[in-house]
Amino acid sequence: MRMTELRTETVPLDDGSKLRLTVADPDRSARGGIVVLHESRGVTDGVRWLVHSLAQEGYQVVAPHLYHRDGADELDAGHSEEQVRDQVSRLTGDSVMADTDTAFGWLADRGIGADQIGVIGFDLGGSVALVVATQRRLGAAVTVAGNHVAEPLGADLPSPLGAAPELTCPWLGLFGERSTDPSVDDVEKLRAAAQDARTASHVVVYPEVDHRFDAHPDTSADAWHRTLNWFDSHLR
């Protein structure tokens, strides 16, 4: 059996930049493909864990480095929250869609069709995953603790709340009750907006946990189980 290992590939883009992709192959024929969108601090250990774990479940997985135009991969503990916010603010709709389209194309080159492709992200990546799922036709999308749901994510990037009625594929949202970003009120507005879309949606709010509910073993295990079931049910 081939071991699941992470590696980085580089793809040149039309704007002259080079997109880095963190990728992992399954140890058997791929059951589908997953694009992982990173959190606000970039491609962290948590993102790499998600790429690796999804590959172990039989998916071909790719995570585009959305900050590559600034030469950034991960903003570690040495970077302040202000620096993180500044980095996020540099994202544009054109850059995000170019990078995610490249990731989708990477999967397509490996024989994975659009209805077999899912997108998932945590934090910033969770919100971007929802927006991407309103602008591209995919098999399924999952948002884990997406933030800034009621405000635009960047230049010409709409808010998840504003975009949600345009979802083109089944969407799962996972949030913590004690989160302040988004608040429970914002999550309920997002739930209602997604219900206006012409596709299935489901929102789970975990009680007694905050934004980083991955620190709670029982909650994170349930979120992982729901995520796998969602992709298993909708990627064909």
C-alpha atoms as a PDB file:
ATOM      1  CA  MET A   1       0.000   0.000   0.000  1.00  0.00           C
ATOM      2  CA  ARG A   2       1.360   3.423  -0.986  1.00  0.00           C
ATOM      3  CA  MET A   3       1.716   5.814   1.955  1.00  0.00           C
ATOM      4  CA  THR A   4      -0.098   9.137   1.768  1.00  0.00           C
ATOM      5  CA  GLU A   5       2.511  11.902   1.629  1.00  0.00           C
ATOM      6  CA  LEU A   6       2.248  15.637   1.163  1.00  0.00           C
ATOM      7  CA  ARG A   7       4.171  17.414  -1.550  1.00  0.00           C
ATOM      8  CA  THR A   8       4.223  20.863  -3.117  1.00  0.00           C
ATOM      9  CA  GLU A   9       3.776  21.528  -6.828  1.00  0.00           C
ATOM     10  CA  THR A  10       4.123  24.848  -8.635  1.00  0.00           C
ATOM     11  CA  VAL A  11       1.915  25.940 -11.536  1.00  0.00           C
ATOM     12  CA  PRO A  12       2.561  29.097 -13.617  1.00  0.00           C
ATOM     13  CA  LEU A  13      -0.439  31.400 -14.004  1.00  0.00           C
ATOM     14  CA  ASP A  14      -1.409  33.828 -16.763  1.00  0.00           C
ATOM     15  CA  ASP A  15      -0.582  36.843 -14.571  1.00  0.00           C
ATOM     16  CA  GLY A  16       3.058  35.757 -14.404  1.00  0.00           C
ATOM     17  CA  SER A  17       2.902  34.459 -10.842  1.00  0.00           C
ATOM     18  CA  LYS A  18       3.497  30.865  -9.798  1.00  0.00           C
ATOM     19  CA  LEU A  19       0.839  29.179  -7.702  1.00  0.00           C
ATOM     20  CA  ARG A  20       2.027  26.713  -5.085  1.00  0.00           C
ATOM     21  CA  LEU A  21      -0.186  23.719  -4.408  1.00  0.00           C
ATOM     22  CA  THR A  22       0.045  21.410  -1.407  1.00  0.00           C
ATOM     23  CA  VAL A  23      -1.246  18.062  -2.645  1.00  0.00           C
ATOM     24  CA  ALA A  24      -1.743  14.487  -1.481  1.00  0.00           C
ATOM     25  CA  ASP A  25      -2.692  11.327  -3.364  1.00  0.00           C
ATOM     26  CA  PRO A  26      -4.927   8.534  -2.059  1.00  0.00           C
ATOM     27  CA  ASP A  27      -3.434   5.055  -1.756  1.00  0.00           C
ATOM     28  CA  ARG A  28      -6.071   3.699  -4.156  1.00  0.00           C
ATOM     29  CA  SER A  29      -8.179   4.916  -7.079  1.00  0.00           C
ATOM     30  CA  ALA A  30      -9.546   8.321  -6.128  1.00  0.00           C
ATOM     31  CA  ARG A  31     -13.200   8.395  -5.094  1.00  0.00           C
ATOM     32  CA  GLY A  32     -13.284  12.099  -5.961  1.00  0.00           C
ATOM     33  CA  GLY A  33     -11.305  15.278  -5.505  1.00  0.00           C
ATOM     34  CA  ILE A  34     -11.246  17.895  -2.747  1.00  0.00           C
ATOM     35  CA  VAL A  35      -9.927  21.458  -2.861  1.00  0.00           C
ATOM     36  CA  VAL A  36      -8.891  22.637   0.610  1.00  0.00           C
ATOM     37  CA  LEU A  37      -8.904  26.413   1.152  1.00  0.00           C
ATOM     38  CA  HIS A  38      -6.616  27.590   3.923  1.00  0.00           C
ATOM     39  CA  GLU A  39      -7.349  29.668   7.003  1.00  0.00           C
ATOM     40  CA  SER A  40      -6.420  33.316   7.483  1.00  0.00           C
ATOM     41  CA  ARG A  41      -2.890  32.391   8.608  1.00  0.00           C
ATOM     42  CA  GLY A  42      -2.267  30.443   5.423  1.00  0.00           C
ATOM     43  CA  VAL A  43      -1.204  26.844   4.943  1.00  0.00           C
ATOM     44  CA  THR A  44      -0.822  25.880   8.594  1.00  0.00           C
ATOM     45  CA  ASP A  45      -0.263  22.487  10.197  1.00  0.00           C
ATOM     46  CA  GLY A  46      -4.049  22.200  10.539  1.00  0.00           C
ATOM     47  CA  VAL A  47      -4.489  22.703   6.794  1.00  0.00           C
ATOM     48  CA  ARG A  48      -1.797  20.151   6.017  1.00  0.00           C
ATOM     49  CA  TRP A  49      -3.492  17.705   8.408  1.00  0.00           C
ATOM     50  CA  LEU A  50      -6.775  18.167   6.541  1.00  0.00           C
ATOM     51  CA  VAL A  51      -5.123  17.567   3.161  1.00  0.00           C
ATOM     52  CA  HIS A  52      -3.421  14.434   4.470  1.00  0.00           C
ATOM     53  CA  SER A  53      -6.522  13.090   6.236  1.00  0.00           C
ATOM     54  CA  LEU A  54      -8.834  13.544   3.260  1.00  0.00           C
ATOM     55  CA  ALA A  55      -6.324  11.740   1.050  1.00  0.00           C
ATOM     56  CA  GLN A  56      -6.325   8.874   3.532  1.00  0.00           C
ATOM     57  CA  GLU A  57     -10.096   8.695   3.038  1.00  0.00           C
ATOM     58  CA  GLY A  58      -9.544   8.066  -0.666  1.00  0.00           C
ATOM     59  CA  TYR A  59      -9.721  11.575  -2.149  1.00  0.00           C
ATOM     60  CA  GLN A  60      -7.271  13.335  -4.425  1.00  0.00           C
ATOM     61  CA  VAL A  61      -6.609  16.538  -2.485  1.00  0.00           C
ATOM     62  CA  VAL A  62      -5.118  19.903  -3.389  1.00  0.00           C
ATOM     63  CA  ALA A  63      -4.706  23.100  -1.353  1.00  0.00           C
ATOM     64  CA  PRO A  64      -3.822  26.273  -3.303  1.00  0.00           C
ATOM     65  CA  HIS A  65      -1.631  28.817  -1.507  1.00  0.00           C
ATOM     66  CA  LEU A  66      -3.822  31.914  -1.903  1.00  0.00           C
ATOM     67  CA  TYR A  67      -1.118  34.283  -0.611  1.00  0.00           C
ATOM     68  CA  HIS A  68       1.513  33.177  -3.113  1.00  0.00           C
ATOM     69  CA  ARG A  69       1.598  36.523  -4.942  1.00  0.00           C
ATOM     70  CA  ASP A  70       3.027  38.046  -1.765  1.00  0.00           C
ATOM     71  CA  GLY A  71       5.471  35.186  -1.253  1.00  0.00           C
ATOM     72  CA  ALA A  72       3.601  34.013   1.838  1.00  0.00           C
ATOM     73  CA  ASP A  73       2.685  30.455   2.757  1.00  0.00           C
ATOM     74  CA  GLU A  74       2.020  30.621   6.490  1.00  0.00           C
ATOM     75  CA  LEU A  75       1.753  33.543   8.904  1.00  0.00           C
ATOM     76  CA  ASP A  76       3.014  31.941  12.088  1.00  0.00           C
ATOM     77  CA  ALA A  77       2.909  33.100  15.710  1.00  0.00           C
ATOM     78  CA  GLY A  78       5.513  35.718  14.900  1.00  0.00           C
ATOM     79  CA  HIS A  79       2.951  37.579  12.787  1.00  0.00           C
ATOM     80  CA  SER A  80       0.469  39.825  14.561  1.00  0.00           C
ATOM     81  CA  GLU A  81      -3.281  39.770  14.034  1.00  0.00           C
ATOM     82  CA  GLU A  82      -2.916  43.125  12.268  1.00  0.00           C
ATOM     83  CA  GLN A  83      -0.465  41.577   9.806  1.00  0.00           C
ATOM     84  CA  VAL A  84      -2.890  38.698   9.232  1.00  0.00           C
ATOM     85  CA  ARG A  85      -5.759  41.111   8.550  1.00  0.00           C
ATOM     86  CA  ASP A  86      -3.566  43.042   6.134  1.00  0.00           C
ATOM     87  CA  GLN A  87      -2.713  39.858   4.268  1.00  0.00           C
ATOM     88  CA  VAL A  88      -6.364  38.819   4.038  1.00  0.00           C
ATOM     89  CA  SER A  89      -7.325  42.271   2.742  1.00  0.00           C
ATOM     90  CA  ARG A  90      -5.064  41.786  -0.274  1.00  0.00           C
ATOM     91  CA  LEU A  91      -7.207  38.980  -1.627  1.00  0.00           C
ATOM     92  CA  THR A  92      -9.348  39.828  -4.637  1.00  0.00           C
ATOM     93  CA  GLY A  93     -12.087  37.962  -6.432  1.00  0.00           C
ATOM     94  CA  ASP A  94      -9.894  37.618  -9.506  1.00  0.00           C
ATOM     95  CA  SER A  95      -6.946  36.171  -7.582  1.00  0.00           C
ATOM     96  CA  VAL A  96      -9.047  33.759  -5.524  1.00  0.00           C
ATOM     97  CA  MET A  97     -10.960  32.456  -8.518  1.00  0.00           C
ATOM     98  CA  ALA A  98      -7.774  32.125 -10.604  1.00  0.00           C
ATOM     99  CA  ASP A  99      -6.137  30.073  -7.856  1.00  0.00           C
ATOM    100  CA  THR A 100      -9.149  27.876  -7.145  1.00  0.00           C
ATOM    101  CA  ASP A 101      -9.758  27.359 -10.874  1.00  0.00           C
ATOM    102  CA  THR A 102      -6.162  26.168 -11.162  1.00  0.00           C
ATOM    103  CA  ALA A 103      -6.781  23.715  -8.324  1.00  0.00           C
ATOM    104  CA  PHE A 104      -9.966  22.487 -10.012  1.00  0.00           C
ATOM    105  CA  GLY A 105      -8.030  22.119 -13.269  1.00  0.00           C
ATOM    106  CA  TRP A 106      -5.324  20.152 -11.456  1.00  0.00           C
ATOM    107  CA  LEU A 107      -7.993  17.675 -10.361  1.00  0.00           C
ATOM    108  CA  ALA A 108      -9.596  17.619 -13.819  1.00  0.00           C
ATOM    109  CA  ASP A 109      -6.223  16.729 -15.341  1.00  0.00           C
ATOM    110  CA  ARG A 110      -6.353  13.624 -13.151  1.00  0.00           C
ATOM    111  CA  GLY A 111      -9.701  12.560 -14.559  1.00  0.00           C
ATOM    112  CA  ILE A 112     -11.944  13.960 -11.803  1.00  0.00           C
ATOM    113  CA  GLY A 113     -15.124  15.591 -13.107  1.00  0.00           C
ATOM    114  CA  ALA A 114     -16.817  18.674 -11.652  1.00  0.00           C
ATOM    115  CA  ASP A 115     -19.573  16.656  -9.957  1.00  0.00           C
ATOM    116  CA  GLN A 116     -16.877  14.603  -8.207  1.00  0.00           C
ATOM    117  CA  ILE A 117     -15.113  17.679  -6.803  1.00  0.00           C
ATOM    118  CA  GLY A 118     -15.746  19.179  -3.372  1.00  0.00           C
ATOM    119  CA  VAL A 119     -14.390  22.290  -1.684  1.00  0.00           C
ATOM    120  CA  ILE A 120     -13.779  22.763   2.044  1.00  0.00           C
ATOM    121  CA  GLY A 121     -12.186  25.380   4.253  1.00  0.00           C
ATOM    122  CA  PHE A 122     -11.813  26.490   7.858  1.00  0.00           C
ATOM    123  CA  ASP A 123     -12.016  30.091   9.088  1.00  0.00           C
ATOM    124  CA  LEU A 124     -11.291  32.382   6.100  1.00  0.00           C
ATOM    125  CA  GLY A 125     -11.115  29.308   3.867  1.00  0.00           C
ATOM    126  CA  GLY A 126     -14.563  28.225   5.002  1.00  0.00           C
ATOM    127  CA  SER A 127     -16.084  31.523   3.934  1.00  0.00           C
ATOM    128  CA  VAL A 128     -14.178  31.497   0.645  1.00  0.00           C
ATOM    129  CA  ALA A 129     -15.352  27.914   0.023  1.00  0.00           C
ATOM    130  CA  LEU A 130     -18.974  29.035   0.232  1.00  0.00           C
ATOM    131  CA  VAL A 131     -18.396  31.952  -2.145  1.00  0.00           C
ATOM    132  CA  VAL A 132     -16.536  29.739  -4.625  1.00  0.00           C
ATOM    133  CA  ALA A 133     -19.449  27.285  -4.503  1.00  0.00           C
ATOM    134  CA  THR A 134     -21.750  30.074  -5.707  1.00  0.00           C
ATOM    135  CA  GLN A 135     -19.567  30.890  -8.710  1.00  0.00           C
ATOM    136  CA  ARG A 136     -18.514  27.442  -9.925  1.00  0.00           C
ATOM    137  CA  ARG A 137     -20.463  24.218 -10.436  1.00  0.00           C
ATOM    138  CA  LEU A 138     -19.118  21.563  -8.086  1.00  0.00           C
ATOM    139  CA  GLY A 139     -20.304  18.440  -6.325  1.00  0.00           C
ATOM    140  CA  ALA A 140     -20.377  19.711  -2.723  1.00  0.00           C
ATOM    141  CA  ALA A 141     -19.007  22.346  -0.347  1.00  0.00           C
ATOM    142  CA  VAL A 142     -18.244  22.449   3.393  1.00  0.00           C
ATOM    143  CA  THR A 143     -17.642  25.521   5.547  1.00  0.00           C
ATOM    144  CA  VAL A 144     -15.999  24.928   8.921  1.00  0.00           C
ATOM    145  CA  ALA A 145     -16.255  27.954  11.237  1.00  0.00           C
ATOM    146  CA  GLY A 146     -16.238  30.450   8.390  1.00  0.00           C
ATOM    147  CA  ASN A 147     -15.775  34.037   9.576  1.00  0.00           C
ATOM    148  CA  HIS A 148     -16.753  37.539   8.396  1.00  0.00           C
ATOM    149  CA  VAL A 149     -19.904  36.004   6.928  1.00  0.00           C
ATOM    150  CA  ALA A 150     -21.816  39.302   6.747  1.00  0.00           C
ATOM    151  CA  GLU A 151     -19.113  41.434   5.110  1.00  0.00           C
ATOM    152  CA  PRO A 152     -17.220  41.289   1.813  1.00  0.00           C
ATOM    153  CA  LEU A 153     -14.153  39.069   2.064  1.00  0.00           C
ATOM    154  CA  GLY A 154     -12.024  41.278  -0.171  1.00  0.00           C
ATOM    155  CA  ALA A 155     -12.021  43.416  -3.288  1.00  0.00           C
ATOM    156  CA  ASP A 156     -14.857  42.133  -5.536  1.00  0.00           C
ATOM    157  CA  LEU A 157     -15.314  39.125  -3.228  1.00  0.00           C
ATOM    158  CA  PRO A 158     -18.887  39.159  -1.887  1.00  0.00           C
ATOM    159  CA  SER A 159     -19.887  38.288   1.645  1.00  0.00           C
ATOM    160  CA  PRO A 160     -20.916  34.670   2.256  1.00  0.00           C
ATOM    161  CA  LEU A 161     -24.297  35.941   3.468  1.00  0.00           C
ATOM    162  CA  GLY A 162     -24.907  37.850   0.252  1.00  0.00           C
ATOM    163  CA  ALA A 163     -23.671  35.011  -1.945  1.00  0.00           C
ATOM    164  CA  ALA A 164     -25.420  32.078  -0.225  1.00  0.00           C
ATOM    165  CA  PRO A 165     -28.694  32.198  -2.227  1.00  0.00           C
ATOM    166  CA  GLU A 166     -26.623  31.511  -5.350  1.00  0.00           C
ATOM    167  CA  LEU A 167     -25.125  28.214  -4.129  1.00  0.00           C
ATOM    168  CA  THR A 168     -24.803  25.764  -7.009  1.00  0.00           C
ATOM    169  CA  CYS A 169     -24.098  22.625  -4.983  1.00  0.00           C
ATOM    170  CA  PRO A 170     -25.027  21.067  -1.630  1.00  0.00           C
ATOM    171  CA  TRP A 171     -23.441  23.040   1.209  1.00  0.00           C
ATOM    172  CA  LEU A 172     -22.709  22.074   4.827  1.00  0.00           C
ATOM    173  CA  GLY A 173     -21.897  24.730   7.443  1.00  0.00           C
ATOM    174  CA  LEU A 174     -20.361  23.877  10.839  1.00  0.00           C
ATOM    175  CA  PHE A 175     -20.131  26.556  13.529  1.00  0.00           C
ATOM    176  CA  GLY A 176     -19.552  27.010  17.281  1.00  0.00           C
ATOM    177  CA  GLU A 177     -22.292  28.514  19.450  1.00  0.00           C
ATOM    178  CA  ARG A 178     -19.863  30.673  21.450  1.00  0.00           C
ATOM    179  CA  SER A 179     -18.153  32.135  18.418  1.00  0.00           C
ATOM    180  CA  THR A 180     -18.237  35.919  18.143  1.00  0.00           C
ATOM    181  CA  ASP A 181     -17.182  35.893  14.483  1.00  0.00           C
ATOM    182  CA  PRO A 182     -19.614  34.848  13.222  1.00  0.00           C
ATOM    183  CA  SER A 183     -22.203  35.409  15.889  1.00  0.00           C
ATOM    184  CA  VAL A 184     -25.072  32.962  16.271  1.00  0.00           C
ATOM    185  CA  ASP A 185     -27.371  35.617  14.742  1.00  0.00           C
ATOM    186  CA  ASP A 186     -25.141  35.815  11.662  1.00  0.00           C
ATOM    187  CA  VAL A 187     -25.115  32.022  11.380  1.00  0.00           C
ATOM    188  CA  GLU A 188     -28.926  31.942  11.486  1.00  0.00           C
ATOM    189  CA  LYS A 189     -29.073  34.606   8.760  1.00  0.00           C
ATOM    190  CA  LEU A 190     -26.647  32.489   6.730  1.00  0.00           C
ATOM    191  CA  ARG A 191     -28.813  29.412   7.265  1.00  0.00           C
ATOM    192  CA  ALA A 192     -31.856  31.277   5.963  1.00  0.00           C
ATOM    193  CA  ALA A 193     -29.985  32.694   2.984  1.00  0.00           C
ATOM    194  CA  ALA A 194     -28.691  29.248   1.983  1.00  0.00           C
ATOM    195  CA  GLN A 195     -32.230  27.882   2.112  1.00  0.00           C
ATOM    196  CA  ASP A 196     -33.097  30.270  -0.729  1.00  0.00           C
ATOM    197  CA  ALA A 197     -30.631  28.452  -2.991  1.00  0.00           C
ATOM    198  CA  ARG A 198     -31.825  25.752  -5.382  1.00  0.00           C
ATOM    199  CA  THR A 199     -29.781  23.064  -3.686  1.00  0.00           C
ATOM    200  CA  ALA A 200     -29.509  21.263  -0.366  1.00  0.00           C
ATOM    201  CA  SER A 201     -27.933  22.947   2.637  1.00  0.00           C
ATOM    202  CA  HIS A 202     -27.464  22.057   6.279  1.00  0.00           C
ATOM    203  CA  VAL A 203     -26.116  24.135   9.167  1.00  0.00           C
ATOM    204  CA  VAL A 204     -24.902  22.699  12.479  1.00  0.00           C
ATOM    205  CA  VAL A 205     -24.215  24.918  15.504  1.00  0.00           C
ATOM    206  CA  TYR A 206     -22.261  23.084  18.195  1.00  0.00           C
ATOM    207  CA  PRO A 207     -23.263  24.132  21.736  1.00  0.00           C
ATOM    208  CA  GLU A 208     -20.780  25.308  24.343  1.00  0.00           C
ATOM    209  CA  VAL A 209     -17.827  25.685  21.945  1.00  0.00           C
ATOM    210  CA  ASP A 210     -16.225  28.719  20.334  1.00  0.00           C
ATOM    211  CA  HIS A 211     -14.726  29.405  16.919  1.00  0.00           C
ATOM    212  CA  ARG A 212     -11.863  26.931  17.402  1.00  0.00           C
ATOM    213  CA  PHE A 213     -14.048  23.966  18.191  1.00  0.00           C
ATOM    214  CA  ASP A 214     -11.380  21.713  16.693  1.00  0.00           C
ATOM    215  CA  ALA A 215      -9.847  21.921  20.184  1.00  0.00           C
ATOM    216  CA  HIS A 216     -12.792  19.912  21.541  1.00  0.00           C
ATOM    217  CA  PRO A 217     -12.318  16.199  20.709  1.00  0.00           C
ATOM    218  CA  ASP A 218     -15.981  15.148  20.684  1.00  0.00           C
ATOM    219  CA  THR A 219     -17.080  18.139  18.623  1.00  0.00           C
ATOM    220  CA  SER A 220     -14.217  17.873  16.147  1.00  0.00           C
ATOM    221  CA  ALA A 221     -14.882  14.132  15.727  1.00  0.00           C
ATOM    222  CA  ASP A 222     -18.545  14.822  14.963  1.00  0.00           C
ATOM    223  CA  ALA A 223     -17.606  17.594  12.502  1.00  0.00           C
ATOM    224  CA  TRP A 224     -15.181  15.259  10.737  1.00  0.00           C
ATOM    225  CA  HIS A 225     -17.823  12.526  10.535  1.00  0.00           C
ATOM    226  CA  ARG A 226     -20.402  14.935   9.102  1.00  0.00           C
ATOM    227  CA  THR A 227     -17.892  16.267   6.570  1.00  0.00           C
ATOM    228  CA  LEU A 228     -17.022  12.822   5.274  1.00  0.00           C
ATOM    229  CA  ASN A 229     -20.697  11.846   5.075  1.00  0.00           C
ATOM    230  CA  TRP A 230     -21.504  15.043   3.174  1.00  0.00           C
ATOM    231  CA  PHE A 231     -18.848  14.419   0.556  1.00  0.00           C
ATOM    232  CA  ASP A 232     -19.703  10.728   0.379  1.00  0.00           C
ATOM    233  CA  SER A 233     -23.371  11.555  -0.216  1.00  0.00           C
ATOM    234  CA  HIS A 234     -22.903  14.255  -2.829  1.00  0.00           C
ATOM    235  CA  LEU A 235     -19.725  13.570  -4.829  1.00  0.00           C
ATOM    236  CA  ARG A 236     -20.721  11.234  -7.659  1.00  0.00           C
END
